[in-house]
Amino acid sequence: MLVITRRINQSIIIDGCIEVVVTGITKEGVRIGISAPQEMEIHRSEVFDTIAEANRQATVKSTMDAATALLLAKLSKTKRPK
């Protein structure tokens, strides 16, 4: 992790296309502005974590649904004894 000191209106550049600017400093925290290409998603970490968890759960559900459908298809093809 890179740790640097910046003052209000000073910035850092990431990968030549993302600029992070310190816009304010208070007792509550630091305000930052982020300029990045429009196609790049930017989220607070807690929002990112929520999205990632929802994606994991959707993947598990999708996998389970596919497995259930496959099992049901195989069972319907086999003859059941009477």
PDB file of N, CA and C in Angstrom:
ATOM      1  N   MET A   1       0.846  -1.174   0.000  1.00  0.00           N
ATOM      2  CA  MET A   1       0.000   0.000   0.000  1.00  0.00           C
ATOM      3  C   MET A   1       0.893   1.238   0.000  1.00  0.00           C
ATOM      4  N   LEU A   2       0.559   2.153  -0.868  1.00  0.00           N
ATOM      5  CA  LEU A   2       1.258   3.433  -0.925  1.00  0.00           C
ATOM      6  C   LEU A   2       0.574   4.396   0.033  1.00  0.00           C
ATOM      7  N   VAL A   3       1.328   5.003   0.917  1.00  0.00           N
ATOM      8  CA  VAL A   3       0.784   5.995   1.844  1.00  0.00           C
ATOM      9  C   VAL A   3       1.512   7.310   1.583  1.00  0.00           C
ATOM     10  N   ILE A   4       0.738   8.356   1.233  1.00  0.00           N
ATOM     11  CA  ILE A   4       1.335   9.661   0.953  1.00  0.00           C
ATOM     12  C   ILE A   4       0.516  10.744   1.630  1.00  0.00           C
ATOM     13  N   THR A   5       1.093  11.909   1.736  1.00  0.00           N
ATOM     14  CA  THR A   5       0.401  13.057   2.312  1.00  0.00           C
ATOM     15  C   THR A   5      -0.005  13.997   1.186  1.00  0.00           C
ATOM     16  N   ARG A   6      -1.240  14.434   1.208  1.00  0.00           N
ATOM     17  CA  ARG A   6      -1.750  15.393   0.233  1.00  0.00           C
ATOM     18  C   ARG A   6      -2.507  16.455   0.998  1.00  0.00           C
ATOM     19  N   ARG A   7      -2.505  17.665   0.484  1.00  0.00           N
ATOM     20  CA  ARG A   7      -3.260  18.765   1.070  1.00  0.00           C
ATOM     21  C   ARG A   7      -4.465  19.061   0.181  1.00  0.00           C
ATOM     22  N   ILE A   8      -5.341  19.942   0.652  1.00  0.00           N
ATOM     23  CA  ILE A   8      -6.523  20.299  -0.129  1.00  0.00           C
ATOM     24  C   ILE A   8      -6.092  20.778  -1.520  1.00  0.00           C
ATOM     25  N   ASN A   9      -6.818  20.315  -2.523  1.00  0.00           N
ATOM     26  CA  ASN A   9      -6.602  20.600  -3.950  1.00  0.00           C
ATOM     27  C   ASN A   9      -5.379  19.900  -4.535  1.00  0.00           C
ATOM     28  N   GLN A  10      -4.686  19.092  -3.761  1.00  0.00           N
ATOM     29  CA  GLN A  10      -3.607  18.288  -4.324  1.00  0.00           C
ATOM     30  C   GLN A  10      -4.194  16.937  -4.734  1.00  0.00           C
ATOM     31  N   SER A  11      -3.545  16.293  -5.680  1.00  0.00           N
ATOM     32  CA  SER A  11      -4.113  15.055  -6.207  1.00  0.00           C
ATOM     33  C   SER A  11      -3.040  14.002  -6.428  1.00  0.00           C
ATOM     34  N   ILE A  12      -3.518  12.813  -6.736  1.00  0.00           N
ATOM     35  CA  ILE A  12      -2.648  11.742  -7.205  1.00  0.00           C
ATOM     36  C   ILE A  12      -3.258  11.222  -8.513  1.00  0.00           C
ATOM     37  N   ILE A  13      -2.431  10.691  -9.370  1.00  0.00           N
ATOM     38  CA  ILE A  13      -2.868  10.128 -10.641  1.00  0.00           C
ATOM     39  C   ILE A  13      -2.601   8.624 -10.599  1.00  0.00           C
ATOM     40  N   ILE A  14      -3.596   7.841 -10.994  1.00  0.00           N
ATOM     41  CA  ILE A  14      -3.473   6.383 -11.015  1.00  0.00           C
ATOM     42  C   ILE A  14      -3.604   5.915 -12.458  1.00  0.00           C
ATOM     43  N   ASP A  15      -2.617   5.171 -12.904  1.00  0.00           N
ATOM     44  CA  ASP A  15      -2.633   4.560 -14.233  1.00  0.00           C
ATOM     45  C   ASP A  15      -2.835   5.570 -15.361  1.00  0.00           C
ATOM     46  N   GLY A  16      -2.473   6.805 -15.119  1.00  0.00           N
ATOM     47  CA  GLY A  16      -2.535   7.831 -16.155  1.00  0.00           C
ATOM     48  C   GLY A  16      -3.923   8.301 -16.526  1.00  0.00           C
ATOM     49  N   CYS A  17      -4.977   7.719 -15.924  1.00  0.00           N
ATOM     50  CA  CYS A  17      -6.333   8.124 -16.325  1.00  0.00           C
ATOM     51  C   CYS A  17      -7.282   8.366 -15.152  1.00  0.00           C
ATOM     52  N   ILE A  18      -6.837   8.110 -13.937  1.00  0.00           N
ATOM     53  CA  ILE A  18      -7.679   8.330 -12.761  1.00  0.00           C
ATOM     54  C   ILE A  18      -7.003   9.372 -11.886  1.00  0.00           C
ATOM     55  N   GLU A  19      -7.747  10.424 -11.565  1.00  0.00           N
ATOM     56  CA  GLU A  19      -7.208  11.462 -10.684  1.00  0.00           C
ATOM     57  C   GLU A  19      -8.034  11.489  -9.403  1.00  0.00           C
ATOM     58  N   VAL A  20      -7.340  11.430  -8.275  1.00  0.00           N
ATOM     59  CA  VAL A  20      -7.975  11.509  -6.961  1.00  0.00           C
ATOM     60  C   VAL A  20      -7.511  12.812  -6.319  1.00  0.00           C
ATOM     61  N   VAL A  21      -8.473  13.694  -6.010  1.00  0.00           N
ATOM     62  CA  VAL A  21      -8.174  15.024  -5.486  1.00  0.00           C
ATOM     63  C   VAL A  21      -8.728  15.155  -4.072  1.00  0.00           C
ATOM     64  N   VAL A  22      -7.940  15.702  -3.166  1.00  0.00           N
ATOM     65  CA  VAL A  22      -8.420  16.009  -1.818  1.00  0.00           C
ATOM     66  C   VAL A  22      -9.201  17.316  -1.928  1.00  0.00           C
ATOM     67  N   THR A  23     -10.518  17.255  -1.625  1.00  0.00           N
ATOM     68  CA  THR A  23     -11.346  18.456  -1.751  1.00  0.00           C
ATOM     69  C   THR A  23     -11.666  19.095  -0.401  1.00  0.00           C
ATOM     70  N   GLY A  24     -11.459  18.368   0.686  1.00  0.00           N
ATOM     71  CA  GLY A  24     -11.727  18.933   2.000  1.00  0.00           C
ATOM     72  C   GLY A  24     -11.260  18.018   3.109  1.00  0.00           C
ATOM     73  N   ILE A  25     -10.947  18.622   4.243  1.00  0.00           N
ATOM     74  CA  ILE A  25     -10.518  17.864   5.412  1.00  0.00           C
ATOM     75  C   ILE A  25     -11.267  18.429   6.619  1.00  0.00           C
ATOM     76  N   THR A  26     -11.954  17.536   7.352  1.00  0.00           N
ATOM     77  CA  THR A  26     -12.669  17.945   8.562  1.00  0.00           C
ATOM     78  C   THR A  26     -12.364  16.958   9.676  1.00  0.00           C
ATOM     79  N   LYS A  27     -12.945  17.195  10.848  1.00  0.00           N
ATOM     80  CA  LYS A  27     -12.808  16.231  11.938  1.00  0.00           C
ATOM     81  C   LYS A  27     -13.472  14.907  11.584  1.00  0.00           C
ATOM     82  N   GLU A  28     -14.504  14.970  10.749  1.00  0.00           N
ATOM     83  CA  GLU A  28     -15.260  13.779  10.361  1.00  0.00           C
ATOM     84  C   GLU A  28     -14.508  12.908   9.370  1.00  0.00           C
ATOM     85  N   GLY A  29     -13.644  13.488   8.556  1.00  0.00           N
ATOM     86  CA  GLY A  29     -12.925  12.699   7.559  1.00  0.00           C
ATOM     87  C   GLY A  29     -12.383  13.558   6.429  1.00  0.00           C
ATOM     88  N   VAL A  30     -11.956  12.887   5.414  1.00  0.00           N
ATOM     89  CA  VAL A  30     -11.368  13.545   4.247  1.00  0.00           C
ATOM     90  C   VAL A  30     -12.346  13.401   3.083  1.00  0.00           C
ATOM     91  N   ARG A  31     -12.609  14.497   2.379  1.00  0.00           N
ATOM     92  CA  ARG A  31     -13.449  14.442   1.177  1.00  0.00           C
ATOM     93  C   ARG A  31     -12.523  14.355  -0.026  1.00  0.00           C
ATOM     94  N   ILE A  32     -12.848  13.436  -0.912  1.00  0.00           N
ATOM     95  CA  ILE A  32     -12.043  13.291  -2.119  1.00  0.00           C
ATOM     96  C   ILE A  32     -12.945  13.342  -3.345  1.00  0.00           C
ATOM     97  N   GLY A  33     -12.367  13.809  -4.429  1.00  0.00           N
ATOM     98  CA  GLY A  33     -13.044  13.791  -5.720  1.00  0.00           C
ATOM     99  C   GLY A  33     -12.272  12.836  -6.619  1.00  0.00           C
ATOM    100  N   ILE A  34     -13.001  12.101  -7.448  1.00  0.00           N
ATOM    101  CA  ILE A  34     -12.365  11.123  -8.327  1.00  0.00           C
ATOM    102  C   ILE A  34     -12.792  11.408  -9.762  1.00  0.00           C
ATOM    103  N   SER A  35     -11.821  11.605 -10.637  1.00  0.00           N
ATOM    104  CA  SER A  35     -12.081  11.738 -12.067  1.00  0.00           C
ATOM    105  C   SER A  35     -11.538  10.490 -12.736  1.00  0.00           C
ATOM    106  N   ALA A  36     -12.425   9.802 -13.458  1.00  0.00           N
ATOM    107  CA  ALA A  36     -12.030   8.558 -14.115  1.00  0.00           C
ATOM    108  C   ALA A  36     -12.859   8.411 -15.388  1.00  0.00           C
ATOM    109  N   PRO A  37     -12.411   7.565 -16.307  1.00  0.00           N
ATOM    110  CA  PRO A  37     -13.215   7.319 -17.508  1.00  0.00           C
ATOM    111  C   PRO A  37     -14.613   6.831 -17.126  1.00  0.00           C
ATOM    112  N   GLN A  38     -15.608   7.230 -17.900  1.00  0.00           N
ATOM    113  CA  GLN A  38     -17.003   6.926 -17.577  1.00  0.00           C
ATOM    114  C   GLN A  38     -17.276   5.429 -17.517  1.00  0.00           C
ATOM    115  N   GLU A  39     -16.563   4.629 -18.321  1.00  0.00           N
ATOM    116  CA  GLU A  39     -16.821   3.187 -18.336  1.00  0.00           C
ATOM    117  C   GLU A  39     -16.237   2.472 -17.115  1.00  0.00           C
ATOM    118  N   MET A  40     -15.477   3.177 -16.298  1.00  0.00           N
ATOM    119  CA  MET A  40     -14.870   2.584 -15.113  1.00  0.00           C
ATOM    120  C   MET A  40     -15.820   2.716 -13.922  1.00  0.00           C
ATOM    121  N   GLU A  41     -16.091   1.590 -13.258  1.00  0.00           N
ATOM    122  CA  GLU A  41     -16.953   1.616 -12.073  1.00  0.00           C
ATOM    123  C   GLU A  41     -16.151   2.043 -10.854  1.00  0.00           C
ATOM    124  N   ILE A  42     -16.737   2.919 -10.038  1.00  0.00           N
ATOM    125  CA  ILE A  42     -16.098   3.370  -8.798  1.00  0.00           C
ATOM    126  C   ILE A  42     -17.128   3.215  -7.685  1.00  0.00           C
ATOM    127  N   HIS A  43     -16.768   2.469  -6.648  1.00  0.00           N
ATOM    128  CA  HIS A  43     -17.673   2.226  -5.528  1.00  0.00           C
ATOM    129  C   HIS A  43     -16.922   2.409  -4.208  1.00  0.00           C
ATOM    130  N   ARG A  44     -17.659   2.805  -3.179  1.00  0.00           N
ATOM    131  CA  ARG A  44     -17.103   2.739  -1.824  1.00  0.00           C
ATOM    132  C   ARG A  44     -16.913   1.269  -1.502  1.00  0.00           C
ATOM    133  N   SER A  45     -15.957   0.960  -0.643  1.00  0.00           N
ATOM    134  CA  SER A  45     -15.626  -0.446  -0.381  1.00  0.00           C
ATOM    135  C   SER A  45     -16.817  -1.231   0.168  1.00  0.00           C
ATOM    136  N   GLU A  46     -17.630  -0.625   1.029  1.00  0.00           N
ATOM    137  CA  GLU A  46     -18.774  -1.356   1.587  1.00  0.00           C
ATOM    138  C   GLU A  46     -19.815  -1.652   0.503  1.00  0.00           C
ATOM    139  N   VAL A  47     -19.983  -0.759  -0.464  1.00  0.00           N
ATOM    140  CA  VAL A  47     -20.898  -1.002  -1.578  1.00  0.00           C
ATOM    141  C   VAL A  47     -20.323  -2.097  -2.477  1.00  0.00           C
ATOM    142  N   PHE A  48     -19.031  -2.023  -2.756  1.00  0.00           N
ATOM    143  CA  PHE A  48     -18.367  -3.040  -3.576  1.00  0.00           C
ATOM    144  C   PHE A  48     -18.516  -4.417  -2.944  1.00  0.00           C
ATOM    145  N   ASP A  49     -18.317  -4.500  -1.626  1.00  0.00           N
ATOM    146  CA  ASP A  49     -18.451  -5.779  -0.923  1.00  0.00           C
ATOM    147  C   ASP A  49     -19.873  -6.332  -1.035  1.00  0.00           C
ATOM    148  N   THR A  50     -20.880  -5.453  -0.923  1.00  0.00           N
ATOM    149  CA  THR A  50     -22.271  -5.870  -1.050  1.00  0.00           C
ATOM    150  C   THR A  50     -22.557  -6.398  -2.457  1.00  0.00           C
ATOM    151  N   ILE A  51     -22.061  -5.699  -3.471  1.00  0.00           N
ATOM    152  CA  ILE A  51     -22.242  -6.132  -4.859  1.00  0.00           C
ATOM    153  C   ILE A  51     -21.555  -7.482  -5.087  1.00  0.00           C
ATOM    154  N   ALA A  52     -20.323  -7.619  -4.588  1.00  0.00           N
ATOM    155  CA  ALA A  52     -19.573  -8.868  -4.762  1.00  0.00           C
ATOM    156  C   ALA A  52     -20.299 -10.036  -4.100  1.00  0.00           C
ATOM    157  N   GLU A  53     -20.844  -9.832  -2.906  1.00  0.00           N
ATOM    158  CA  GLU A  53     -21.572 -10.894  -2.206  1.00  0.00           C
ATOM    159  C   GLU A  53     -22.841 -11.267  -2.974  1.00  0.00           C
ATOM    160  N   ALA A  54     -23.560 -10.271  -3.485  1.00  0.00           N
ATOM    161  CA  ALA A  54     -24.766 -10.551  -4.277  1.00  0.00           C
ATOM    162  C   ALA A  54     -24.399 -11.347  -5.523  1.00  0.00           C
ATOM    163  N   ASN A  55     -23.291 -11.011  -6.157  1.00  0.00           N
ATOM    164  CA  ASN A  55     -22.840 -11.764  -7.336  1.00  0.00           C
ATOM    165  C   ASN A  55     -22.481 -13.199  -6.973  1.00  0.00           C
ATOM    166  N   ARG A  56     -21.799 -13.390  -5.829  1.00  0.00           N
ATOM    167  CA  ARG A  56     -21.464 -14.752  -5.386  1.00  0.00           C
ATOM    168  C   ARG A  56     -22.729 -15.572  -5.146  1.00  0.00           C
ATOM    169  N   GLN A  57     -23.695 -14.970  -4.471  1.00  0.00           N
ATOM    170  CA  GLN A  57     -24.938 -15.691  -4.182  1.00  0.00           C
ATOM    171  C   GLN A  57     -25.698 -16.017  -5.471  1.00  0.00           C
ATOM    172  N   ALA A  58     -25.702 -15.090  -6.421  1.00  0.00           N
ATOM    173  CA  ALA A  58     -26.375 -15.335  -7.698  1.00  0.00           C
ATOM    174  C   ALA A  58     -25.687 -16.471  -8.455  1.00  0.00           C
ATOM    175  N   THR A  59     -24.364 -16.523  -8.381  1.00  0.00           N
ATOM    176  CA  THR A  59     -23.619 -17.582  -9.055  1.00  0.00           C
ATOM    177  C   THR A  59     -23.940 -18.932  -8.426  1.00  0.00           C
ATOM    178  N   VAL A  60     -23.977 -18.982  -7.109  1.00  0.00           N
ATOM    179  CA  VAL A  60     -24.303 -20.234  -6.416  1.00  0.00           C
ATOM    180  C   VAL A  60     -25.724 -20.666  -6.771  1.00  0.00           C
ATOM    181  N   LYS A  61     -26.662 -19.725  -6.746  1.00  0.00           N
ATOM    182  CA  LYS A  61     -28.051 -20.056  -7.084  1.00  0.00           C
ATOM    183  C   LYS A  61     -28.141 -20.529  -8.523  1.00  0.00           C
ATOM    184  N   SER A  62     -27.469 -19.853  -9.430  1.00  0.00           N
ATOM    185  CA  SER A  62     -27.485 -20.238 -10.839  1.00  0.00           C
ATOM    186  C   SER A  62     -26.897 -21.632 -11.028  1.00  0.00           C
ATOM    187  N   THR A  63     -25.794 -21.917 -10.330  1.00  0.00           N
ATOM    188  CA  THR A  63     -25.168 -23.237 -10.409  1.00  0.00           C
ATOM    189  C   THR A  63     -26.091 -24.305  -9.849  1.00  0.00           C
ATOM    190  N   MET A  64     -26.722 -24.008  -8.720  1.00  0.00           N
ATOM    191  CA  MET A  64     -27.657 -24.968  -8.116  1.00  0.00           C
ATOM    192  C   MET A  64     -28.860 -25.191  -9.027  1.00  0.00           C
ATOM    193  N   ASP A  65     -29.388 -24.117  -9.625  1.00  0.00           N
ATOM    194  CA  ASP A  65     -30.519 -24.255 -10.539  1.00  0.00           C
ATOM    195  C   ASP A  65     -30.133 -25.110 -11.739  1.00  0.00           C
ATOM    196  N   ALA A  66     -28.948 -24.908 -12.280  1.00  0.00           N
ATOM    197  CA  ALA A  66     -28.488 -25.689 -13.428  1.00  0.00           C
ATOM    198  C   ALA A  66     -28.313 -27.156 -13.041  1.00  0.00           C
ATOM    199  N   ALA A  67     -27.748 -27.403 -11.868  1.00  0.00           N
ATOM    200  CA  ALA A  67     -27.556 -28.782 -11.403  1.00  0.00           C
ATOM    201  C   ALA A  67     -28.900 -29.463 -11.178  1.00  0.00           C
ATOM    202  N   THR A  68     -29.844 -28.736 -10.602  1.00  0.00           N
ATOM    203  CA  THR A  68     -31.177 -29.292 -10.371  1.00  0.00           C
ATOM    204  C   THR A  68     -31.857 -29.622 -11.694  1.00  0.00           C
ATOM    205  N   ALA A  69     -31.765 -28.713 -12.659  1.00  0.00           N
ATOM    206  CA  ALA A  69     -32.373 -28.949 -13.972  1.00  0.00           C
ATOM    207  C   ALA A  69     -31.740 -30.165 -14.649  1.00  0.00           C
ATOM    208  N   LEU A  70     -30.428 -30.296 -14.556  1.00  0.00           N
ATOM    209  CA  LEU A  70     -29.735 -31.435 -15.158  1.00  0.00           C
ATOM    210  C   LEU A  70     -30.171 -32.742 -14.498  1.00  0.00           C
ATOM    211  N   LEU A  71     -30.240 -32.749 -13.169  1.00  0.00           N
ATOM    212  CA  LEU A  71     -30.666 -33.937 -12.437  1.00  0.00           C
ATOM    213  C   LEU A  71     -32.101 -34.318 -12.792  1.00  0.00           C
ATOM    214  N   LEU A  72     -32.984 -33.326 -12.838  1.00  0.00           N
ATOM    215  CA  LEU A  72     -34.375 -33.604 -13.194  1.00  0.00           C
ATOM    216  C   LEU A  72     -34.485 -34.140 -14.621  1.00  0.00           C
ATOM    217  N   ALA A  73     -33.696 -33.614 -15.533  1.00  0.00           N
ATOM    218  CA  ALA A  73     -33.711 -34.092 -16.917  1.00  0.00           C
ATOM    219  C   ALA A  73     -33.241 -35.541 -16.984  1.00  0.00           C
ATOM    220  N   LYS A  74     -32.202 -35.863 -16.246  1.00  0.00           N
ATOM    221  CA  LYS A  74     -31.696 -37.239 -16.239  1.00  0.00           C
ATOM    222  C   LYS A  74     -32.697 -38.185 -15.601  1.00  0.00           C
ATOM    223  N   LEU A  75     -33.346 -37.741 -14.519  1.00  0.00           N
ATOM    224  CA  LEU A  75     -34.334 -38.581 -13.849  1.00  0.00           C
ATOM    225  C   LEU A  75     -35.552 -38.820 -14.732  1.00  0.00           C
ATOM    226  N   SER A  76     -35.945 -37.823 -15.503  1.00  0.00           N
ATOM    227  CA  SER A  76     -37.133 -37.981 -16.342  1.00  0.00           C
ATOM    228  C   SER A  76     -36.861 -38.930 -17.506  1.00  0.00           C
ATOM    229  N   LYS A  77     -35.595 -39.117 -17.871  1.00  0.00           N
ATOM    230  CA  LYS A  77     -35.242 -40.019 -18.960  1.00  0.00           C
ATOM    231  C   LYS A  77     -35.165 -41.469 -18.504  1.00  0.00           C
ATOM    232  N   THR A  78     -34.976 -41.688 -17.229  1.00  0.00           N
ATOM    233  CA  THR A  78     -34.902 -43.058 -16.714  1.00  0.00           C
ATOM    234  C   THR A  78     -36.294 -43.561 -16.392  1.00  0.00           C
ATOM    235  N   LYS A  79     -36.508 -44.844 -16.619  1.00  0.00           N
ATOM    236  CA  LYS A  79     -37.819 -45.415 -16.317  1.00  0.00           C
ATOM    237  C   LYS A  79     -37.868 -45.773 -14.843  1.00  0.00           C
ATOM    238  N   ARG A  80     -38.961 -45.440 -14.258  1.00  0.00           N
ATOM    239  CA  ARG A  80     -39.154 -45.755 -12.835  1.00  0.00           C
ATOM    240  C   ARG A  80     -39.871 -47.101 -12.736  1.00  0.00           C
ATOM    241  N   PRO A  81     -39.422 -47.966 -11.819  1.00  0.00           N
ATOM    242  CA  PRO A  81     -40.117 -49.255 -11.632  1.00  0.00           C
ATOM    243  C   PRO A  81     -41.500 -49.033 -11.038  1.00  0.00           C
ATOM    244  N   LYS A  82     -42.429 -49.889 -11.433  1.00  0.00           N
ATOM    245  CA  LYS A  82     -43.816 -49.744 -10.937  1.00  0.00           C
ATOM    246  C   LYS A  82     -44.065 -50.628  -9.763  1.00  0.00           C
TER     247      LYS A  82
END
